[in-house]
């Protein structure tokens, strides 16, 4: 299974933010849209990722307030990325290694989507459920033996 399989099911709604936008506005967008991340884009290029993790760390460092901070001060400026052709096993490994919950999907310099750890986990579970159903159907339809009589022991 590849990342493209997840994106096909998930759809292509993307939320982005500029690095020089107020962090407070980005937080409002995340809350209004009920999303856990925003891709930070500048002049058409991916320059970072903002998740609630980065927001919380920034607020704690700033004495518990957002203040006039900009997205740039809180974002992860080296986010993990993958392509739509990346295998799901590789994505899982990468996300687990870096404790990443969100990963932008890039096609060269073009943002194709964002997948979450939830998306990956759901795809794996759905795939396993499908395989289980197919195996159970196969076992249930197992062909009867030609010679149904038990073999005699010598």
N, C-alpha and C. Protein backbone atom coordinates (compact mmCIF):
# COMPACT_ATOMS: atom_id res chain seq x y z
N UNK A 1 0.84 -1.18 0.00
CA UNK A 1 0.00 0.00 0.00
C UNK A 1 0.89 1.24 0.00
N UNK A 2 0.44 2.25 -0.73
CA UNK A 2 1.22 3.48 -0.87
C UNK A 2 0.44 4.67 -0.31
N UNK A 3 1.15 5.77 -0.13
CA UNK A 3 0.55 7.00 0.37
C UNK A 3 -0.58 7.46 -0.55
N UNK A 4 -0.44 7.25 -1.84
CA UNK A 4 -1.48 7.65 -2.80
C UNK A 4 -2.81 6.98 -2.48
N UNK A 5 -2.78 5.77 -1.93
CA UNK A 5 -4.01 5.06 -1.56
C UNK A 5 -4.74 5.80 -0.43
N UNK A 6 -3.98 6.34 0.51
CA UNK A 6 -4.57 7.10 1.61
C UNK A 6 -5.15 8.41 1.08
N UNK A 7 -4.38 9.11 0.26
CA UNK A 7 -4.84 10.39 -0.26
C UNK A 7 -6.11 10.24 -1.11
N UNK A 8 -6.21 9.15 -1.83
CA UNK A 8 -7.38 8.91 -2.67
C UNK A 8 -8.64 8.82 -1.81
N UNK A 9 -8.55 8.16 -0.67
CA UNK A 9 -9.68 7.99 0.24
C UNK A 9 -9.93 9.26 1.03
N UNK A 10 -8.86 9.90 1.46
CA UNK A 10 -8.94 11.05 2.36
C UNK A 10 -9.47 12.31 1.67
N UNK A 11 -9.17 12.48 0.42
CA UNK A 11 -9.56 13.71 -0.26
C UNK A 11 -8.39 14.67 -0.31
N UNK A 12 -8.64 15.87 -0.82
CA UNK A 12 -7.52 16.77 -1.06
C UNK A 12 -7.70 18.15 -0.43
N UNK A 13 -8.42 18.23 0.68
CA UNK A 13 -8.54 19.51 1.38
C UNK A 13 -7.24 19.79 2.11
N UNK A 14 -6.66 20.96 1.84
CA UNK A 14 -5.39 21.33 2.46
C UNK A 14 -5.53 22.66 3.18
N UNK A 15 -4.89 22.76 4.31
CA UNK A 15 -4.86 24.02 5.05
C UNK A 15 -3.41 24.43 5.21
N UNK A 16 -3.12 25.65 4.79
CA UNK A 16 -1.76 26.16 4.88
C UNK A 16 -1.76 27.50 5.61
N UNK A 17 -0.57 27.91 5.99
CA UNK A 17 -0.37 29.17 6.67
C UNK A 17 0.97 29.72 6.22
N UNK A 18 1.12 31.03 6.25
CA UNK A 18 2.40 31.66 5.92
C UNK A 18 3.22 31.80 7.19
N UNK A 19 4.53 31.75 7.08
CA UNK A 19 5.38 31.81 8.28
C UNK A 19 5.29 33.14 9.03
N UNK A 20 4.90 34.22 8.35
CA UNK A 20 4.85 35.52 9.01
C UNK A 20 3.44 35.89 9.49
N UNK A 21 2.52 34.92 9.47
CA UNK A 21 1.19 35.16 10.03
C UNK A 21 1.28 35.06 11.55
N UNK A 22 0.40 35.78 12.24
CA UNK A 22 0.38 35.65 13.70
C UNK A 22 0.04 34.22 14.12
N UNK A 23 0.75 33.72 15.10
CA UNK A 23 0.51 32.38 15.60
C UNK A 23 -0.93 32.26 16.11
N UNK A 24 -1.43 33.32 16.71
CA UNK A 24 -2.81 33.28 17.23
C UNK A 24 -3.82 33.00 16.12
N UNK A 25 -3.62 33.56 14.95
CA UNK A 25 -4.52 33.32 13.82
C UNK A 25 -4.42 31.87 13.36
N UNK A 26 -3.23 31.33 13.34
CA UNK A 26 -3.04 29.93 12.95
C UNK A 26 -3.74 29.00 13.94
N UNK A 27 -3.63 29.31 15.23
CA UNK A 27 -4.29 28.50 16.25
C UNK A 27 -5.80 28.57 16.08
N UNK A 28 -6.33 29.74 15.79
CA UNK A 28 -7.77 29.88 15.55
C UNK A 28 -8.21 29.02 14.37
N UNK A 29 -7.44 29.04 13.30
CA UNK A 29 -7.76 28.23 12.12
C UNK A 29 -7.77 26.75 12.48
N UNK A 30 -6.78 26.30 13.23
CA UNK A 30 -6.70 24.90 13.62
C UNK A 30 -7.91 24.51 14.46
N UNK A 31 -8.32 25.39 15.36
CA UNK A 31 -9.47 25.11 16.22
C UNK A 31 -10.77 25.13 15.41
N UNK A 32 -10.95 26.12 14.55
CA UNK A 32 -12.17 26.24 13.75
C UNK A 32 -12.35 25.06 12.80
N UNK A 33 -11.26 24.62 12.19
CA UNK A 33 -11.31 23.55 11.20
C UNK A 33 -11.18 22.17 11.84
N UNK A 34 -10.91 22.14 13.17
CA UNK A 34 -10.72 20.89 13.90
C UNK A 34 -9.62 20.05 13.25
N UNK A 35 -8.47 20.69 13.05
CA UNK A 35 -7.32 20.03 12.45
C UNK A 35 -6.12 20.15 13.39
N UNK A 36 -5.22 19.21 13.31
CA UNK A 36 -4.08 19.20 14.21
C UNK A 36 -2.82 19.78 13.63
N UNK A 37 -2.89 20.21 12.36
CA UNK A 37 -1.67 20.73 11.74
C UNK A 37 -1.99 21.70 10.61
N UNK A 38 -1.02 22.54 10.34
CA UNK A 38 -1.05 23.43 9.18
C UNK A 38 0.29 23.31 8.48
N UNK A 39 0.26 23.25 7.17
CA UNK A 39 1.50 23.25 6.40
C UNK A 39 1.91 24.71 6.22
N UNK A 40 3.17 25.00 6.49
CA UNK A 40 3.66 26.37 6.37
C UNK A 40 4.31 26.53 5.00
N UNK A 41 3.71 27.43 4.20
CA UNK A 41 4.16 27.65 2.83
C UNK A 41 4.58 29.10 2.66
N UNK A 42 5.67 29.29 1.90
CA UNK A 42 6.15 30.64 1.60
C UNK A 42 6.57 30.67 0.13
N UNK A 43 5.97 31.55 -0.64
CA UNK A 43 6.26 31.68 -2.07
C UNK A 43 6.12 30.35 -2.80
N UNK A 44 5.11 29.57 -2.41
CA UNK A 44 4.85 28.29 -3.07
C UNK A 44 5.72 27.15 -2.61
N UNK A 45 6.59 27.37 -1.64
CA UNK A 45 7.48 26.32 -1.15
C UNK A 45 7.11 25.92 0.27
N UNK A 46 7.25 24.63 0.57
CA UNK A 46 7.08 24.13 1.93
C UNK A 46 8.26 24.61 2.77
N UNK A 47 7.97 25.34 3.85
CA UNK A 47 9.05 25.81 4.71
C UNK A 47 8.90 25.31 6.15
N UNK A 48 7.78 24.64 6.45
CA UNK A 48 7.62 24.14 7.80
C UNK A 48 6.28 23.47 8.02
N UNK A 49 6.12 23.01 9.25
CA UNK A 49 4.89 22.35 9.67
C UNK A 49 4.55 22.87 11.05
N UNK A 50 3.30 23.22 11.26
CA UNK A 50 2.84 23.69 12.56
C UNK A 50 1.81 22.70 13.06
N UNK A 51 2.09 22.11 14.22
CA UNK A 51 1.13 21.20 14.85
C UNK A 51 0.87 21.71 16.26
N UNK A 52 -0.13 21.13 16.90
CA UNK A 52 -0.42 21.55 18.26
C UNK A 52 0.78 21.31 19.18
N UNK A 53 1.61 20.34 18.86
CA UNK A 53 2.81 20.10 19.67
C UNK A 53 3.72 21.34 19.66
N UNK A 54 3.99 21.88 18.47
CA UNK A 54 4.84 23.07 18.37
C UNK A 54 4.17 24.28 19.02
N UNK A 55 2.86 24.38 18.87
CA UNK A 55 2.12 25.49 19.49
C UNK A 55 2.27 25.45 21.01
N UNK A 56 2.08 24.29 21.59
CA UNK A 56 2.15 24.15 23.05
C UNK A 56 3.56 24.47 23.55
N UNK A 57 4.57 23.94 22.87
CA UNK A 57 5.96 24.21 23.27
C UNK A 57 6.23 25.71 23.22
N UNK A 58 5.78 26.38 22.17
CA UNK A 58 6.00 27.82 22.01
C UNK A 58 5.30 28.61 23.12
N UNK A 59 4.07 28.24 23.43
CA UNK A 59 3.32 28.94 24.48
C UNK A 59 3.99 28.76 25.84
N UNK A 60 4.45 27.56 26.12
CA UNK A 60 5.14 27.31 27.40
C UNK A 60 6.40 28.15 27.49
N UNK A 61 7.17 28.20 26.41
CA UNK A 61 8.41 29.01 26.40
C UNK A 61 8.11 30.50 26.56
N UNK A 62 6.90 30.92 26.17
CA UNK A 62 6.52 32.33 26.22
C UNK A 62 5.70 32.64 27.48
N UNK A 63 5.88 31.86 28.51
CA UNK A 63 5.21 32.14 29.78
C UNK A 63 3.72 31.88 29.78
N UNK A 64 3.25 31.01 28.91
CA UNK A 64 1.84 30.64 28.91
C UNK A 64 0.95 31.50 28.04
N UNK A 65 1.54 32.38 27.24
CA UNK A 65 0.74 33.23 26.35
C UNK A 65 1.26 33.14 24.92
N UNK A 66 0.36 33.38 23.98
CA UNK A 66 0.76 33.38 22.57
C UNK A 66 1.43 34.71 22.24
N UNK A 67 0.85 35.78 22.75
CA UNK A 67 1.41 37.10 22.49
C UNK A 67 1.39 37.43 21.01
N UNK A 68 2.39 38.12 20.56
CA UNK A 68 2.45 38.54 19.17
C UNK A 68 3.39 37.66 18.34
N UNK A 69 3.63 36.47 18.82
CA UNK A 69 4.52 35.55 18.10
C UNK A 69 3.98 35.23 16.72
N UNK A 70 4.92 34.94 15.83
CA UNK A 70 4.58 34.55 14.46
C UNK A 70 4.69 33.04 14.31
N UNK A 71 4.03 32.51 13.30
CA UNK A 71 4.09 31.08 13.00
C UNK A 71 5.54 30.64 12.90
N UNK A 72 6.38 31.46 12.28
CA UNK A 72 7.79 31.13 12.07
C UNK A 72 8.51 30.75 13.37
N UNK A 73 8.11 31.38 14.48
CA UNK A 73 8.80 31.12 15.75
C UNK A 73 8.41 29.79 16.37
N UNK A 74 7.30 29.20 15.92
CA UNK A 74 6.83 27.96 16.53
C UNK A 74 6.97 26.74 15.62
N UNK A 75 6.99 26.96 14.31
CA UNK A 75 6.92 25.84 13.36
C UNK A 75 8.16 24.94 13.40
N UNK A 76 7.96 23.72 12.95
CA UNK A 76 9.05 22.79 12.71
C UNK A 76 9.57 23.13 11.32
N UNK A 77 10.79 23.64 11.24
CA UNK A 77 11.29 24.07 9.94
C UNK A 77 12.01 22.98 9.16
N UNK A 78 11.97 21.75 9.66
CA UNK A 78 12.52 20.59 8.94
C UNK A 78 11.54 19.42 9.04
N UNK A 79 10.33 19.59 8.52
CA UNK A 79 9.36 18.50 8.68
C UNK A 79 9.69 17.30 7.79
N UNK A 80 9.28 16.14 8.27
CA UNK A 80 9.36 14.94 7.46
C UNK A 80 8.42 15.09 6.28
N UNK A 81 8.82 14.61 5.13
CA UNK A 81 7.93 14.59 3.97
C UNK A 81 8.03 13.22 3.30
N UNK A 82 7.05 12.94 2.48
CA UNK A 82 7.06 11.73 1.68
C UNK A 82 6.45 12.07 0.33
N UNK A 83 6.43 11.11 -0.57
CA UNK A 83 5.78 11.29 -1.86
C UNK A 83 4.55 10.38 -1.89
N UNK A 84 3.74 10.54 -2.89
CA UNK A 84 2.55 9.69 -3.01
C UNK A 84 2.94 8.25 -3.33
N UNK A 85 4.16 8.03 -3.77
CA UNK A 85 4.64 6.69 -4.10
C UNK A 85 5.34 5.99 -2.92
N UNK A 86 5.50 6.69 -1.81
CA UNK A 86 6.16 6.09 -0.65
C UNK A 86 5.28 4.97 -0.09
N UNK A 87 5.92 3.84 0.20
CA UNK A 87 5.20 2.70 0.77
C UNK A 87 4.79 3.01 2.20
N UNK A 88 3.64 2.50 2.61
CA UNK A 88 3.12 2.77 3.95
C UNK A 88 4.03 2.24 5.05
N UNK A 89 4.69 1.13 4.81
CA UNK A 89 5.63 0.61 5.83
C UNK A 89 6.75 1.61 6.09
N UNK A 90 7.23 2.26 5.05
CA UNK A 90 8.29 3.27 5.20
C UNK A 90 7.76 4.50 5.94
N UNK A 91 6.55 4.92 5.62
CA UNK A 91 5.94 6.07 6.30
C UNK A 91 5.79 5.77 7.79
N UNK A 92 5.31 4.59 8.12
CA UNK A 92 5.16 4.21 9.55
C UNK A 92 6.49 4.27 10.26
N UNK A 93 7.52 3.72 9.63
CA UNK A 93 8.85 3.73 10.24
C UNK A 93 9.33 5.16 10.48
N UNK A 94 9.19 6.01 9.46
CA UNK A 94 9.64 7.40 9.57
C UNK A 94 8.89 8.14 10.66
N UNK A 95 7.58 7.99 10.69
CA UNK A 95 6.76 8.69 11.67
C UNK A 95 7.08 8.22 13.10
N UNK A 96 7.27 6.94 13.26
CA UNK A 96 7.60 6.41 14.59
C UNK A 96 8.97 6.89 15.05
N UNK A 97 9.95 6.89 14.14
CA UNK A 97 11.30 7.34 14.49
C UNK A 97 11.32 8.78 14.98
N UNK A 98 10.57 9.65 14.30
CA UNK A 98 10.59 11.07 14.63
C UNK A 98 9.43 11.52 15.51
N UNK A 99 8.60 10.56 15.93
CA UNK A 99 7.41 10.89 16.73
C UNK A 99 6.54 11.92 16.00
N UNK A 100 6.46 11.79 14.69
CA UNK A 100 5.70 12.73 13.86
C UNK A 100 4.25 12.25 13.75
N UNK A 101 3.33 13.17 13.94
CA UNK A 101 1.92 12.83 13.81
C UNK A 101 1.36 13.24 12.45
N UNK A 102 2.06 14.11 11.75
CA UNK A 102 1.60 14.62 10.46
C UNK A 102 2.77 14.67 9.49
N UNK A 103 2.48 14.36 8.22
CA UNK A 103 3.54 14.37 7.21
C UNK A 103 3.01 14.93 5.89
N UNK A 104 3.61 16.04 5.42
CA UNK A 104 3.24 16.55 4.11
C UNK A 104 3.64 15.58 3.01
N UNK A 105 2.79 15.47 2.01
CA UNK A 105 3.06 14.63 0.85
C UNK A 105 3.41 15.56 -0.30
N UNK A 106 4.62 15.40 -0.83
CA UNK A 106 5.13 16.29 -1.86
C UNK A 106 5.33 15.55 -3.17
N UNK A 107 5.08 16.24 -4.26
CA UNK A 107 5.43 15.76 -5.58
C UNK A 107 6.40 16.81 -6.13
N UNK A 108 7.67 16.52 -6.01
CA UNK A 108 8.74 17.50 -6.25
C UNK A 108 8.53 18.66 -5.31
N UNK A 109 8.15 19.83 -5.80
CA UNK A 109 7.96 20.98 -4.91
C UNK A 109 6.47 21.27 -4.66
N UNK A 110 5.59 20.43 -5.20
CA UNK A 110 4.15 20.67 -5.06
C UNK A 110 3.57 19.87 -3.90
N UNK A 111 2.83 20.57 -3.04
CA UNK A 111 2.15 19.93 -1.92
C UNK A 111 0.93 19.18 -2.42
N UNK A 112 0.90 17.88 -2.18
CA UNK A 112 -0.20 17.03 -2.65
C UNK A 112 -1.23 16.75 -1.55
N UNK A 113 -0.80 16.87 -0.30
CA UNK A 113 -1.70 16.57 0.81
C UNK A 113 -0.91 16.42 2.09
N UNK A 114 -1.60 16.06 3.14
CA UNK A 114 -0.99 15.79 4.44
C UNK A 114 -1.62 14.50 4.95
N UNK A 115 -0.78 13.60 5.42
CA UNK A 115 -1.32 12.39 6.05
C UNK A 115 -0.96 12.43 7.52
N UNK A 116 -1.84 11.87 8.31
CA UNK A 116 -1.62 11.83 9.75
C UNK A 116 -1.32 10.41 10.18
N UNK A 117 -0.81 10.28 11.38
CA UNK A 117 -0.55 8.95 11.92
C UNK A 117 -1.87 8.18 11.99
N UNK A 118 -2.96 8.88 12.31
CA UNK A 118 -4.29 8.27 12.33
C UNK A 118 -4.63 7.70 10.95
N UNK A 119 -4.37 8.48 9.88
CA UNK A 119 -4.66 8.01 8.52
C UNK A 119 -3.90 6.72 8.22
N UNK A 120 -2.64 6.69 8.63
CA UNK A 120 -1.80 5.52 8.38
C UNK A 120 -2.33 4.32 9.17
N UNK A 121 -2.62 4.53 10.45
CA UNK A 121 -3.13 3.44 11.29
C UNK A 121 -4.46 2.91 10.75
N UNK A 122 -5.34 3.81 10.33
CA UNK A 122 -6.64 3.40 9.79
C UNK A 122 -6.46 2.59 8.51
N UNK A 123 -5.55 3.00 7.65
CA UNK A 123 -5.31 2.27 6.40
C UNK A 123 -4.79 0.86 6.69
N UNK A 124 -3.91 0.75 7.67
CA UNK A 124 -3.36 -0.56 8.03
C UNK A 124 -4.46 -1.46 8.59
N UNK A 125 -5.27 -0.93 9.49
CA UNK A 125 -6.37 -1.71 10.08
C UNK A 125 -7.38 -2.12 9.01
N UNK A 126 -7.75 -1.19 8.13
CA UNK A 126 -8.70 -1.51 7.06
C UNK A 126 -8.15 -2.60 6.15
N UNK A 127 -6.86 -2.51 5.84
CA UNK A 127 -6.23 -3.51 4.99
C UNK A 127 -6.22 -4.89 5.67
N UNK A 128 -5.90 -4.91 6.95
CA UNK A 128 -5.88 -6.17 7.70
C UNK A 128 -7.29 -6.76 7.81
N UNK A 129 -8.29 -5.91 8.02
CA UNK A 129 -9.67 -6.41 8.08
C UNK A 129 -10.08 -7.03 6.76
N UNK A 130 -9.70 -6.39 5.65
CA UNK A 130 -10.02 -6.92 4.33
C UNK A 130 -9.34 -8.28 4.14
N UNK A 131 -8.06 -8.37 4.48
CA UNK A 131 -7.33 -9.64 4.34
C UNK A 131 -7.97 -10.73 5.20
N UNK A 132 -8.38 -10.38 6.42
CA UNK A 132 -9.02 -11.35 7.30
C UNK A 132 -10.32 -11.87 6.70
N UNK A 133 -11.12 -10.96 6.13
CA UNK A 133 -12.38 -11.38 5.50
C UNK A 133 -12.11 -12.32 4.32
N UNK A 134 -11.09 -11.99 3.53
CA UNK A 134 -10.77 -12.83 2.37
C UNK A 134 -10.27 -14.21 2.82
N UNK A 135 -9.45 -14.24 3.85
CA UNK A 135 -8.96 -15.52 4.36
C UNK A 135 -10.10 -16.37 4.92
N UNK A 136 -10.99 -15.75 5.67
CA UNK A 136 -12.13 -16.48 6.23
C UNK A 136 -13.03 -17.01 5.13
N UNK A 137 -13.25 -16.23 4.08
CA UNK A 137 -14.05 -16.68 2.95
C UNK A 137 -13.37 -17.84 2.24
N UNK A 138 -12.06 -17.75 2.10
CA UNK A 138 -11.31 -18.82 1.45
C UNK A 138 -11.39 -20.11 2.25
N UNK A 139 -11.24 -20.00 3.57
CA UNK A 139 -11.30 -21.19 4.43
C UNK A 139 -12.70 -21.78 4.41
N UNK A 140 -13.71 -20.93 4.47
CA UNK A 140 -15.10 -21.40 4.46
C UNK A 140 -15.41 -22.14 3.15
N UNK A 141 -14.82 -21.69 2.04
CA UNK A 141 -15.08 -22.29 0.73
C UNK A 141 -14.01 -23.32 0.34
N UNK A 142 -13.27 -23.81 1.33
CA UNK A 142 -12.22 -24.78 1.07
C UNK A 142 -12.82 -25.97 0.33
N UNK A 143 -12.20 -26.40 -0.77
CA UNK A 143 -12.77 -27.53 -1.52
C UNK A 143 -12.68 -28.83 -0.71
N UNK A 144 -13.73 -29.62 -0.82
CA UNK A 144 -13.75 -30.91 -0.13
C UNK A 144 -12.75 -31.84 -0.80
N UNK A 145 -12.16 -32.73 -0.02
CA UNK A 145 -11.18 -33.68 -0.56
C UNK A 145 -11.87 -34.63 -1.52
N UNK A 146 -11.16 -35.03 -2.57
CA UNK A 146 -11.70 -35.95 -3.58
C UNK A 146 -12.09 -37.26 -2.91
N UNK A 147 -11.20 -37.78 -2.09
CA UNK A 147 -11.44 -39.04 -1.41
C UNK A 147 -11.83 -38.69 0.02
N UNK A 148 -13.12 -38.72 0.30
CA UNK A 148 -13.57 -38.29 1.63
C UNK A 148 -13.44 -39.40 2.67
N UNK A 149 -12.96 -40.59 2.26
CA UNK A 149 -12.80 -41.67 3.22
C UNK A 149 -11.44 -41.56 3.87
N UNK A 150 -11.42 -41.79 5.19
CA UNK A 150 -10.11 -41.74 5.87
C UNK A 150 -9.19 -42.83 5.33
N UNK A 151 -7.91 -42.50 5.26
CA UNK A 151 -6.94 -43.47 4.76
C UNK A 151 -6.67 -44.51 5.83
N UNK A 152 -6.52 -45.73 5.40
CA UNK A 152 -6.28 -46.84 6.32
C UNK A 152 -4.83 -46.90 6.69
N UNK A 153 -4.57 -47.13 7.94
CA UNK A 153 -3.18 -47.25 8.39
C UNK A 153 -2.72 -48.67 8.26
N UNK A 154 -1.50 -48.86 7.87
CA UNK A 154 -0.96 -50.20 7.74
C UNK A 154 -0.20 -50.61 8.95
